[in-house]
């Protein structure tokens, strides 16, 4: 199973925009206040974690793929 998860991320171009990103980001940011703790479970490459950090939330990012976490670390370096 791990090989499959990593193969998925090997096929996703770095910096790819998640599906319906703008609408999902708008919904998310409407429900998060500055300094609020947020768990981004299944964070992928950190696109939403980065937006949450810009909104001054305290973000913990988690994913099952090591490649996704590596990318999230680059895209959202302030997340745990």
Protein backbone atom coordinates (compact mmCIF):
# COMPACT_ATOMS: atom_id res chain seq x y z
CA UNK A 1 0.00 0.00 0.00
CA UNK A 2 2.84 2.39 0.80
CA UNK A 3 4.26 2.00 -2.72
CA UNK A 4 0.88 2.95 -4.16
CA UNK A 5 0.62 6.10 -2.00
CA UNK A 6 4.09 7.20 -3.03
CA UNK A 7 3.34 6.43 -6.70
CA UNK A 8 0.31 8.72 -6.53
CA UNK A 9 2.49 11.61 -5.33
CA UNK A 10 5.18 10.82 -7.88
CA UNK A 11 2.52 11.44 -10.56
CA UNK A 12 1.33 14.77 -9.10
CA UNK A 13 3.35 17.71 -10.43
CA UNK A 14 4.90 19.85 -7.68
CA UNK A 15 2.82 22.98 -7.07
CA UNK A 16 -0.32 21.49 -8.60
CA UNK A 17 -3.52 23.25 -7.59
CA UNK A 18 -5.97 21.03 -5.67
CA UNK A 19 -9.41 20.47 -7.19
CA UNK A 20 -11.84 23.35 -6.48
CA UNK A 21 -9.09 25.01 -4.45
CA UNK A 22 -10.55 28.53 -4.32
CA UNK A 23 -13.98 27.42 -3.08
CA UNK A 24 -12.54 25.01 -0.53
CA UNK A 25 -10.03 27.62 0.73
CA UNK A 26 -12.80 30.20 1.10
CA UNK A 27 -14.92 27.78 3.15
CA UNK A 28 -11.97 26.78 5.31
CA UNK A 29 -10.81 30.30 6.06
CA UNK A 30 -14.35 31.39 6.92
CA UNK A 31 -14.29 28.88 9.80
CA UNK A 32 -10.81 29.43 11.25
CA UNK A 33 -9.70 32.25 13.53
CA UNK A 34 -6.15 33.54 14.07
CA UNK A 35 -4.21 31.45 16.63
CA UNK A 36 -6.74 28.61 16.38
CA UNK A 37 -5.18 25.12 16.31
CA UNK A 38 -5.97 23.24 13.11
CA UNK A 39 -5.14 19.65 12.15
CA UNK A 40 -4.78 19.31 8.39
CA UNK A 41 -5.28 15.55 8.17
CA UNK A 42 -4.42 14.31 4.70
CA UNK A 43 -2.53 17.54 4.06
CA UNK A 44 -1.12 16.44 0.72
CA UNK A 45 1.45 18.93 -0.48
CA UNK A 46 0.45 21.56 2.08
CA UNK A 47 -1.58 23.87 -0.15
CA UNK A 48 -4.30 24.34 2.47
CA UNK A 49 -1.81 24.30 5.36
CA UNK A 50 -0.02 27.23 3.71
CA UNK A 51 -3.29 29.17 3.46
CA UNK A 52 -4.09 28.44 7.10
CA UNK A 53 -0.67 29.69 8.13
CA UNK A 54 -1.25 32.91 6.18
CA UNK A 55 -4.47 33.27 8.18
CA UNK A 56 -2.30 32.94 11.31
CA UNK A 57 -3.69 29.58 12.45
CA UNK A 58 -1.48 27.10 14.31
CA UNK A 59 -1.28 24.21 11.84
CA UNK A 60 -0.34 20.58 12.33
CA UNK A 61 -0.12 18.76 9.00
CA UNK A 62 -0.35 14.97 8.63
CA UNK A 63 -0.37 12.62 5.66
CA UNK A 64 0.38 8.94 4.99
CA UNK A 65 2.75 9.74 2.11
CA UNK A 66 6.32 10.74 2.86
CA UNK A 67 6.52 12.57 -0.50
CA UNK A 68 3.39 14.56 0.33
CA UNK A 69 4.88 15.50 3.71
CA UNK A 70 8.15 16.52 2.09
CA UNK A 71 6.28 18.81 -0.27
CA UNK A 72 4.13 20.16 2.57
CA UNK A 73 7.30 20.99 4.49
CA UNK A 74 8.47 23.11 1.56
CA UNK A 75 5.10 24.74 0.88
CA UNK A 76 4.09 25.35 4.51
CA UNK A 77 7.32 25.46 6.53
CA UNK A 78 5.60 26.94 9.57
CA UNK A 79 3.35 23.91 10.05
CA UNK A 80 4.19 21.16 12.52
